[in-house]
Amino acid sequence: MRSQRYFDTFPATIAGSCANFVPAKILVGIWNAPVICIIVLWSQMMVWQHRADMRRHLGRLEHTQLRDVGIAPLDARREFSKPFWRA
């Protein structure tokens, strides 16, 4: 029963956007471990893609646009230069 309790709360523990789309009953079963790994990896990849997109857009903003949203150009350049896997 220990694994059943874990799988009941599993969707809440996944980081990313797919957490709301995975019913706990689908994840129950010994053969679903690869499915869980795929879901977690896909979720992480989506987070990385979102970070990369946001940083790319931030790098395209002009100084006046950065000033409008309250971001210093140095801070924007620092954020833009971070790799996608670093938060």
PDB file of N, CA and C in Angstrom:
ATOM      1  N   MET A   1       0.802  -1.202   0.000  1.00  0.00           N
ATOM      2  CA  MET A   1       0.000   0.000   0.000  1.00  0.00           C
ATOM      3  C   MET A   1       0.843   1.264   0.000  1.00  0.00           C
ATOM      4  N   ARG A   2       2.082   1.167   0.371  1.00  0.00           N
ATOM      5  CA  ARG A   2       2.947   2.338   0.392  1.00  0.00           C
ATOM      6  C   ARG A   2       3.051   2.963  -0.998  1.00  0.00           C
ATOM      7  N   SER A   3       3.216   2.140  -2.029  1.00  0.00           N
ATOM      8  CA  SER A   3       3.328   2.680  -3.375  1.00  0.00           C
ATOM      9  C   SER A   3       2.018   3.316  -3.827  1.00  0.00           C
ATOM     10  N   GLN A   4       0.894   2.779  -3.381  1.00  0.00           N
ATOM     11  CA  GLN A   4      -0.395   3.360  -3.746  1.00  0.00           C
ATOM     12  C   GLN A   4      -0.504   4.793  -3.222  1.00  0.00           C
ATOM     13  N   ARG A   5      -0.077   5.037  -1.991  1.00  0.00           N
ATOM     14  CA  ARG A   5      -0.134   6.385  -1.442  1.00  0.00           C
ATOM     15  C   ARG A   5       0.783   7.318  -2.219  1.00  0.00           C
ATOM     16  N   TYR A   6       1.951   6.827  -2.608  1.00  0.00           N
ATOM     17  CA  TYR A   6       2.884   7.638  -3.387  1.00  0.00           C
ATOM     18  C   TYR A   6       2.255   8.042  -4.714  1.00  0.00           C
ATOM     19  N   PHE A   7       1.626   7.095  -5.386  1.00  0.00           N
ATOM     20  CA  PHE A   7       1.062   7.396  -6.696  1.00  0.00           C
ATOM     21  C   PHE A   7      -0.172   8.280  -6.601  1.00  0.00           C
ATOM     22  N   ASP A   8      -0.855   8.261  -5.478  1.00  0.00           N
ATOM     23  CA  ASP A   8      -1.988   9.161  -5.318  1.00  0.00           C
ATOM     24  C   ASP A   8      -1.538  10.618  -5.296  1.00  0.00           C
ATOM     25  N   THR A   9      -0.357  10.877  -4.774  1.00  0.00           N
ATOM     26  CA  THR A   9       0.140  12.252  -4.686  1.00  0.00           C
ATOM     27  C   THR A   9       1.142  12.570  -5.777  1.00  0.00           C
ATOM     28  N   PHE A  10       1.415  11.641  -6.659  1.00  0.00           N
ATOM     29  CA  PHE A  10       2.465  11.837  -7.658  1.00  0.00           C
ATOM     30  C   PHE A  10       2.267  13.072  -8.528  1.00  0.00           C
ATOM     31  N   PRO A  11       1.068  13.324  -9.074  1.00  0.00           N
ATOM     32  CA  PRO A  11       0.941  14.494  -9.944  1.00  0.00           C
ATOM     33  C   PRO A  11       1.307  15.807  -9.270  1.00  0.00           C
ATOM     34  N   ALA A  12       1.130  15.914  -7.980  1.00  0.00           N
ATOM     35  CA  ALA A  12       1.476  17.144  -7.280  1.00  0.00           C
ATOM     36  C   ALA A  12       2.983  17.298  -7.122  1.00  0.00           C
ATOM     37  N   THR A  13       3.739  16.216  -7.286  1.00  0.00           N
ATOM     38  CA  THR A  13       5.178  16.310  -7.080  1.00  0.00           C
ATOM     39  C   THR A  13       5.949  16.535  -8.362  1.00  0.00           C
ATOM     40  N   ILE A  14       5.312  16.456  -9.499  1.00  0.00           N
ATOM     41  CA  ILE A  14       6.008  16.654 -10.770  1.00  0.00           C
ATOM     42  C   ILE A  14       6.212  18.143 -10.984  1.00  0.00           C
ATOM     43  N   ALA A  15       7.449  18.534 -11.345  1.00  0.00           N
ATOM     44  CA  ALA A  15       7.713  19.934 -11.652  1.00  0.00           C
ATOM     45  C   ALA A  15       7.358  20.185 -13.104  1.00  0.00           C
ATOM     46  N   GLY A  16       6.590  21.215 -13.345  1.00  0.00           N
ATOM     47  CA  GLY A  16       6.263  21.541 -14.725  1.00  0.00           C
ATOM     48  C   GLY A  16       4.776  21.537 -14.985  1.00  0.00           C
ATOM     49  N   SER A  17       4.435  21.678 -16.243  1.00  0.00           N
ATOM     50  CA  SER A  17       3.046  21.898 -16.603  1.00  0.00           C
ATOM     51  C   SER A  17       2.242  20.628 -16.790  1.00  0.00           C
ATOM     52  N   CYS A  18       2.879  19.478 -16.969  1.00  0.00           N
ATOM     53  CA  CYS A  18       2.098  18.270 -17.240  1.00  0.00           C
ATOM     54  C   CYS A  18       1.532  17.655 -15.966  1.00  0.00           C
ATOM     55  N   ALA A  19       1.824  18.239 -14.811  1.00  0.00           N
ATOM     56  CA  ALA A  19       1.344  17.673 -13.550  1.00  0.00           C
ATOM     57  C   ALA A  19      -0.170  17.620 -13.476  1.00  0.00           C
ATOM     58  N   ASN A  20      -0.828  18.559 -14.073  1.00  0.00           N
ATOM     59  CA  ASN A  20      -2.286  18.617 -13.986  1.00  0.00           C
ATOM     60  C   ASN A  20      -2.966  17.648 -14.945  1.00  0.00           C
ATOM     61  N   PHE A  21      -2.235  17.060 -15.867  1.00  0.00           N
ATOM     62  CA  PHE A  21      -2.830  16.229 -16.892  1.00  0.00           C
ATOM     63  C   PHE A  21      -2.640  14.741 -16.666  1.00  0.00           C
ATOM     64  N   VAL A  22      -1.984  14.347 -15.581  1.00  0.00           N
ATOM     65  CA  VAL A  22      -1.681  12.944 -15.345  1.00  0.00           C
ATOM     66  C   VAL A  22      -2.516  12.441 -14.182  1.00  0.00           C
ATOM     67  N   PRO A  23      -3.585  11.689 -14.463  1.00  0.00           N
ATOM     68  CA  PRO A  23      -4.373  11.133 -13.360  1.00  0.00           C
ATOM     69  C   PRO A  23      -3.569  10.092 -12.594  1.00  0.00           C
ATOM     70  N   ALA A  24      -3.743  10.065 -11.297  1.00  0.00           N
ATOM     71  CA  ALA A  24      -2.971   9.144 -10.460  1.00  0.00           C
ATOM     72  C   ALA A  24      -3.267   7.695 -10.799  1.00  0.00           C
ATOM     73  N   LYS A  25      -4.476   7.362 -11.216  1.00  0.00           N
ATOM     74  CA  LYS A  25      -4.823   5.974 -11.491  1.00  0.00           C
ATOM     75  C   LYS A  25      -4.058   5.421 -12.692  1.00  0.00           C
ATOM     76  N   ILE A  26      -3.662   6.266 -13.619  1.00  0.00           N
ATOM     77  CA  ILE A  26      -2.882   5.808 -14.775  1.00  0.00           C
ATOM     78  C   ILE A  26      -1.495   5.373 -14.334  1.00  0.00           C
ATOM     79  N   LEU A  27      -0.961   6.024 -13.306  1.00  0.00           N
ATOM     80  CA  LEU A  27       0.414   5.782 -12.903  1.00  0.00           C
ATOM     81  C   LEU A  27       0.591   4.549 -12.027  1.00  0.00           C
ATOM     82  N   VAL A  28      -0.501   3.947 -11.568  1.00  0.00           N
ATOM     83  CA  VAL A  28      -0.409   2.793 -10.690  1.00  0.00           C
ATOM     84  C   VAL A  28      -0.110   1.556 -11.518  1.00  0.00           C
ATOM     85  N   GLY A  29       0.860   0.794 -11.095  1.00  0.00           N
ATOM     86  CA  GLY A  29       1.206  -0.444 -11.778  1.00  0.00           C
ATOM     87  C   GLY A  29       2.703  -0.568 -11.923  1.00  0.00           C
ATOM     88  N   ILE A  30       3.166  -1.801 -11.894  1.00  0.00           N
ATOM     89  CA  ILE A  30       4.602  -2.039 -11.922  1.00  0.00           C
ATOM     90  C   ILE A  30       5.218  -1.705 -13.273  1.00  0.00           C
ATOM     91  N   TRP A  31       4.458  -1.802 -14.345  1.00  0.00           N
ATOM     92  CA  TRP A  31       5.013  -1.563 -15.685  1.00  0.00           C
ATOM     93  C   TRP A  31       4.961  -0.100 -16.078  1.00  0.00           C
ATOM     94  N   ASN A  32       4.434   0.743 -15.229  1.00  0.00           N
ATOM     95  CA  ASN A  32       4.307   2.152 -15.573  1.00  0.00           C
ATOM     96  C   ASN A  32       5.490   2.990 -15.121  1.00  0.00           C
ATOM     97  N   ALA A  33       6.521   2.375 -14.557  1.00  0.00           N
ATOM     98  CA  ALA A  33       7.699   3.139 -14.140  1.00  0.00           C
ATOM     99  C   ALA A  33       8.337   3.876 -15.315  1.00  0.00           C
ATOM    100  N   PRO A  34       8.470   3.251 -16.502  1.00  0.00           N
ATOM    101  CA  PRO A  34       9.014   4.019 -17.637  1.00  0.00           C
ATOM    102  C   PRO A  34       8.126   5.193 -18.031  1.00  0.00           C
ATOM    103  N   VAL A  35       6.828   5.044 -17.882  1.00  0.00           N
ATOM    104  CA  VAL A  35       5.909   6.139 -18.197  1.00  0.00           C
ATOM    105  C   VAL A  35       6.157   7.311 -17.263  1.00  0.00           C
ATOM    106  N   ILE A  36       6.365   7.007 -15.993  1.00  0.00           N
ATOM    107  CA  ILE A  36       6.640   8.051 -15.010  1.00  0.00           C
ATOM    108  C   ILE A  36       7.925   8.786 -15.364  1.00  0.00           C
ATOM    109  N   CYS A  37       8.956   8.028 -15.725  1.00  0.00           N
ATOM    110  CA  CYS A  37      10.229   8.647 -16.108  1.00  0.00           C
ATOM    111  C   CYS A  37      10.061   9.540 -17.326  1.00  0.00           C
ATOM    112  N   ILE A  38       9.297   9.086 -18.298  1.00  0.00           N
ATOM    113  CA  ILE A  38       9.071   9.877 -19.507  1.00  0.00           C
ATOM    114  C   ILE A  38       8.322  11.159 -19.175  1.00  0.00           C
ATOM    115  N   ILE A  39       7.337  11.071 -18.310  1.00  0.00           N
ATOM    116  CA  ILE A  39       6.567  12.256 -17.924  1.00  0.00           C
ATOM    117  C   ILE A  39       7.453  13.265 -17.211  1.00  0.00           C
ATOM    118  N   VAL A  40       8.274  12.793 -16.290  1.00  0.00           N
ATOM    119  CA  VAL A  40       9.156  13.698 -15.545  1.00  0.00           C
ATOM    120  C   VAL A  40      10.181  14.336 -16.484  1.00  0.00           C
ATOM    121  N   LEU A  41      10.769  13.540 -17.380  1.00  0.00           N
ATOM    122  CA  LEU A  41      11.744  14.081 -18.331  1.00  0.00           C
ATOM    123  C   LEU A  41      11.085  15.083 -19.281  1.00  0.00           C
ATOM    124  N   TRP A  42       9.908  14.760 -19.785  1.00  0.00           N
ATOM    125  CA  TRP A  42       9.198  15.676 -20.675  1.00  0.00           C
ATOM    126  C   TRP A  42       8.888  16.990 -19.959  1.00  0.00           C
ATOM    127  N   SER A  43       8.474  16.885 -18.717  1.00  0.00           N
ATOM    128  CA  SER A  43       8.160  18.075 -17.940  1.00  0.00           C
ATOM    129  C   SER A  43       9.398  18.951 -17.776  1.00  0.00           C
ATOM    130  N   GLN A  44      10.525  18.344 -17.464  1.00  0.00           N
ATOM    131  CA  GLN A  44      11.762  19.107 -17.290  1.00  0.00           C
ATOM    132  C   GLN A  44      12.201  19.744 -18.605  1.00  0.00           C
ATOM    133  N   MET A  45      12.030  19.030 -19.690  1.00  0.00           N
ATOM    134  CA  MET A  45      12.388  19.585 -20.995  1.00  0.00           C
ATOM    135  C   MET A  45      11.518  20.789 -21.333  1.00  0.00           C
ATOM    136  N   MET A  46      10.252  20.738 -20.950  1.00  0.00           N
ATOM    137  CA  MET A  46       9.362  21.864 -21.201  1.00  0.00           C
ATOM    138  C   MET A  46       9.768  23.087 -20.368  1.00  0.00           C
ATOM    139  N   VAL A  47      10.208  22.849 -19.140  1.00  0.00           N
ATOM    140  CA  VAL A  47      10.696  23.950 -18.300  1.00  0.00           C
ATOM    141  C   VAL A  47      11.928  24.576 -18.934  1.00  0.00           C
ATOM    142  N   TRP A  48      12.860  23.741 -19.398  1.00  0.00           N
ATOM    143  CA  TRP A  48      14.076  24.247 -20.044  1.00  0.00           C
ATOM    144  C   TRP A  48      13.753  25.028 -21.313  1.00  0.00           C
ATOM    145  N   GLN A  49      12.810  24.516 -22.097  1.00  0.00           N
ATOM    146  CA  GLN A  49      12.421  25.213 -23.330  1.00  0.00           C
ATOM    147  C   GLN A  49      11.817  26.576 -23.014  1.00  0.00           C
ATOM    148  N   HIS A  50      10.987  26.631 -21.990  1.00  0.00           N
ATOM    149  CA  HIS A  50      10.377  27.899 -21.589  1.00  0.00           C
ATOM    150  C   HIS A  50      11.441  28.900 -21.143  1.00  0.00           C
ATOM    151  N   ARG A  51      12.401  28.443 -20.340  1.00  0.00           N
ATOM    152  CA  ARG A  51      13.491  29.327 -19.898  1.00  0.00           C
ATOM    153  C   ARG A  51      14.280  29.853 -21.086  1.00  0.00           C
ATOM    154  N   ALA A  52      14.631  28.963 -22.010  1.00  0.00           N
ATOM    155  CA  ALA A  52      15.412  29.375 -23.173  1.00  0.00           C
ATOM    156  C   ALA A  52      14.646  30.404 -23.999  1.00  0.00           C
ATOM    157  N   ASP A  53      13.353  30.192 -24.201  1.00  0.00           N
ATOM    158  CA  ASP A  53      12.530  31.134 -24.967  1.00  0.00           C
ATOM    159  C   ASP A  53      12.451  32.488 -24.272  1.00  0.00           C
ATOM    160  N   MET A  54      12.202  32.482 -22.970  1.00  0.00           N
ATOM    161  CA  MET A  54      12.080  33.738 -22.234  1.00  0.00           C
ATOM    162  C   MET A  54      13.400  34.505 -22.232  1.00  0.00           C
ATOM    163  N   ARG A  55      14.500  33.809 -22.086  1.00  0.00           N
ATOM    164  CA  ARG A  55      15.802  34.485 -22.098  1.00  0.00           C
ATOM    165  C   ARG A  55      16.132  35.014 -23.486  1.00  0.00           C
ATOM    166  N   ARG A  56      15.738  34.296 -24.513  1.00  0.00           N
ATOM    167  CA  ARG A  56      15.955  34.770 -25.879  1.00  0.00           C
ATOM    168  C   ARG A  56      15.153  36.041 -26.129  1.00  0.00           C
ATOM    169  N   HIS A  57      13.900  36.065 -25.666  1.00  0.00           N
ATOM    170  CA  HIS A  57      13.079  37.260 -25.818  1.00  0.00           C
ATOM    171  C   HIS A  57      13.634  38.421 -24.998  1.00  0.00           C
ATOM    172  N   LEU A  58      14.125  38.135 -23.820  1.00  0.00           N
ATOM    173  CA  LEU A  58      14.717  39.170 -22.978  1.00  0.00           C
ATOM    174  C   LEU A  58      15.946  39.778 -23.659  1.00  0.00           C
ATOM    175  N   GLY A  59      16.725  38.947 -24.329  1.00  0.00           N
ATOM    176  CA  GLY A  59      17.915  39.438 -25.020  1.00  0.00           C
ATOM    177  C   GLY A  59      17.590  40.329 -26.211  1.00  0.00           C
ATOM    178  N   ARG A  60      16.384  40.235 -26.749  1.00  0.00           N
ATOM    179  CA  ARG A  60      15.984  41.040 -27.909  1.00  0.00           C
ATOM    180  C   ARG A  60      15.402  42.400 -27.533  1.00  0.00           C
ATOM    181  N   LEU A  61      15.112  42.603 -26.254  1.00  0.00           N
ATOM    182  CA  LEU A  61      14.506  43.866 -25.835  1.00  0.00           C
ATOM    183  C   LEU A  61      15.525  44.995 -25.889  1.00  0.00           C
ATOM    184  N   GLU A  62      15.039  46.178 -26.273  1.00  0.00           N
ATOM    185  CA  GLU A  62      15.888  47.367 -26.297  1.00  0.00           C
ATOM    186  C   GLU A  62      15.955  47.973 -24.894  1.00  0.00           C
ATOM    187  N   HIS A  63      16.894  48.902 -24.708  1.00  0.00           N
ATOM    188  CA  HIS A  63      17.079  49.516 -23.386  1.00  0.00           C
ATOM    189  C   HIS A  63      15.822  50.230 -22.918  1.00  0.00           C
ATOM    190  N   THR A  64      15.106  50.883 -23.824  1.00  0.00           N
ATOM    191  CA  THR A  64      13.888  51.590 -23.425  1.00  0.00           C
ATOM    192  C   THR A  64      12.811  50.613 -22.977  1.00  0.00           C
ATOM    193  N   GLN A  65      12.712  49.479 -23.650  1.00  0.00           N
ATOM    194  CA  GLN A  65      11.731  48.469 -23.253  1.00  0.00           C
ATOM    195  C   GLN A  65      12.096  47.864 -21.904  1.00  0.00           C
ATOM    196  N   LEU A  66      13.381  47.610 -21.687  1.00  0.00           N
ATOM    197  CA  LEU A  66      13.833  47.085 -20.394  1.00  0.00           C
ATOM    198  C   LEU A  66      13.528  48.076 -19.274  1.00  0.00           C
ATOM    199  N   ARG A  67      13.743  49.344 -19.558  1.00  0.00           N
ATOM    200  CA  ARG A  67      13.464  50.367 -18.550  1.00  0.00           C
ATOM    201  C   ARG A  67      11.968  50.416 -18.243  1.00  0.00           C
ATOM    202  N   ASP A  68      11.127  50.211 -19.243  1.00  0.00           N
ATOM    203  CA  ASP A  68       9.673  50.224 -19.038  1.00  0.00           C
ATOM    204  C   ASP A  68       9.216  49.124 -18.085  1.00  0.00           C
ATOM    205  N   VAL A  69       9.858  47.966 -18.142  1.00  0.00           N
ATOM    206  CA  VAL A  69       9.467  46.861 -17.263  1.00  0.00           C
ATOM    207  C   VAL A  69      10.284  46.820 -15.976  1.00  0.00           C
ATOM    208  N   GLY A  70      11.214  47.764 -15.827  1.00  0.00           N
ATOM    209  CA  GLY A  70      11.953  47.882 -14.580  1.00  0.00           C
ATOM    210  C   GLY A  70      13.140  46.946 -14.457  1.00  0.00           C
ATOM    211  N   ILE A  71      13.757  46.588 -15.586  1.00  0.00           N
ATOM    212  CA  ILE A  71      14.926  45.699 -15.569  1.00  0.00           C
ATOM    213  C   ILE A  71      16.130  46.486 -16.068  1.00  0.00           C
ATOM    214  N   ALA A  72      17.216  46.447 -15.302  1.00  0.00           N
ATOM    215  CA  ALA A  72      18.448  47.112 -15.717  1.00  0.00           C
ATOM    216  C   ALA A  72      19.089  46.318 -16.862  1.00  0.00           C
ATOM    217  N   PRO A  73      19.696  46.995 -17.826  1.00  0.00           N
ATOM    218  CA  PRO A  73      20.335  46.288 -18.941  1.00  0.00           C
ATOM    219  C   PRO A  73      21.392  45.277 -18.485  1.00  0.00           C
ATOM    220  N   LEU A  74      22.117  45.599 -17.431  1.00  0.00           N
ATOM    221  CA  LEU A  74      23.119  44.661 -16.924  1.00  0.00           C
ATOM    222  C   LEU A  74      22.467  43.389 -16.386  1.00  0.00           C
ATOM    223  N   ASP A  75      21.346  43.546 -15.676  1.00  0.00           N
ATOM    224  CA  ASP A  75      20.613  42.379 -15.168  1.00  0.00           C
ATOM    225  C   ASP A  75      20.053  41.546 -16.311  1.00  0.00           C
ATOM    226  N   ALA A  76      19.557  42.211 -17.337  1.00  0.00           N
ATOM    227  CA  ALA A  76      19.024  41.489 -18.498  1.00  0.00           C
ATOM    228  C   ALA A  76      20.129  40.719 -19.202  1.00  0.00           C
ATOM    229  N   ARG A  77      21.277  41.333 -19.359  1.00  0.00           N
ATOM    230  CA  ARG A  77      22.400  40.660 -20.019  1.00  0.00           C
ATOM    231  C   ARG A  77      22.876  39.464 -19.184  1.00  0.00           C
ATOM    232  N   ARG A  78      22.891  39.629 -17.870  1.00  0.00           N
ATOM    233  CA  ARG A  78      23.298  38.539 -16.988  1.00  0.00           C
ATOM    234  C   ARG A  78      22.320  37.361 -17.083  1.00  0.00           C
ATOM    235  N   GLU A  79      21.025  37.674 -17.094  1.00  0.00           N
ATOM    236  CA  GLU A  79      20.010  36.623 -17.201  1.00  0.00           C
ATOM    237  C   GLU A  79      20.061  35.961 -18.572  1.00  0.00           C
ATOM    238  N   PHE A  80      20.263  36.748 -19.608  1.00  0.00           N
ATOM    239  CA  PHE A  80      20.316  36.228 -20.974  1.00  0.00           C
ATOM    240  C   PHE A  80      21.502  35.285 -21.167  1.00  0.00           C
ATOM    241  N   SER A  81      22.597  35.542 -20.470  1.00  0.00           N
ATOM    242  CA  SER A  81      23.806  34.729 -20.661  1.00  0.00           C
ATOM    243  C   SER A  81      23.797  33.428 -19.879  1.00  0.00           C
ATOM    244  N   LYS A  82      22.797  33.235 -19.008  1.00  0.00           N
ATOM    245  CA  LYS A  82      22.707  31.978 -18.249  1.00  0.00           C
ATOM    246  C   LYS A  82      22.334  30.819 -19.179  1.00  0.00           C
ATOM    247  N   PRO A  83      22.876  29.634 -18.934  1.00  0.00           N
ATOM    248  CA  PRO A  83      22.420  28.462 -19.708  1.00  0.00           C
ATOM    249  C   PRO A  83      20.988  28.092 -19.321  1.00  0.00           C
ATOM    250  N   PHE A  84      20.307  27.390 -20.204  1.00  0.00           N
ATOM    251  CA  PHE A  84      18.886  27.096 -20.005  1.00  0.00           C
ATOM    252  C   PHE A  84      18.626  26.204 -18.789  1.00  0.00           C
ATOM    253  N   TRP A  85      19.586  25.424 -18.363  1.00  0.00           N
ATOM    254  CA  TRP A  85      19.356  24.517 -17.237  1.00  0.00           C
ATOM    255  C   TRP A  85      19.537  25.196 -15.886  1.00  0.00           C
ATOM    256  N   ARG A  86      20.035  26.411 -15.873  1.00  0.00           N
ATOM    257  CA  ARG A  86      20.244  27.121 -14.613  1.00  0.00           C
ATOM    258  C   ARG A  86      19.079  28.067 -14.343  1.00  0.00           C
ATOM    259  N   ALA A  87      18.515  27.952 -13.154  1.00  0.00           N
ATOM    260  CA  ALA A  87      17.346  28.791 -12.814  1.00  0.00           C
ATOM    261  C   ALA A  87      17.764  30.196 -12.461  1.00  0.00           C
TER     262      ALA A  87
END
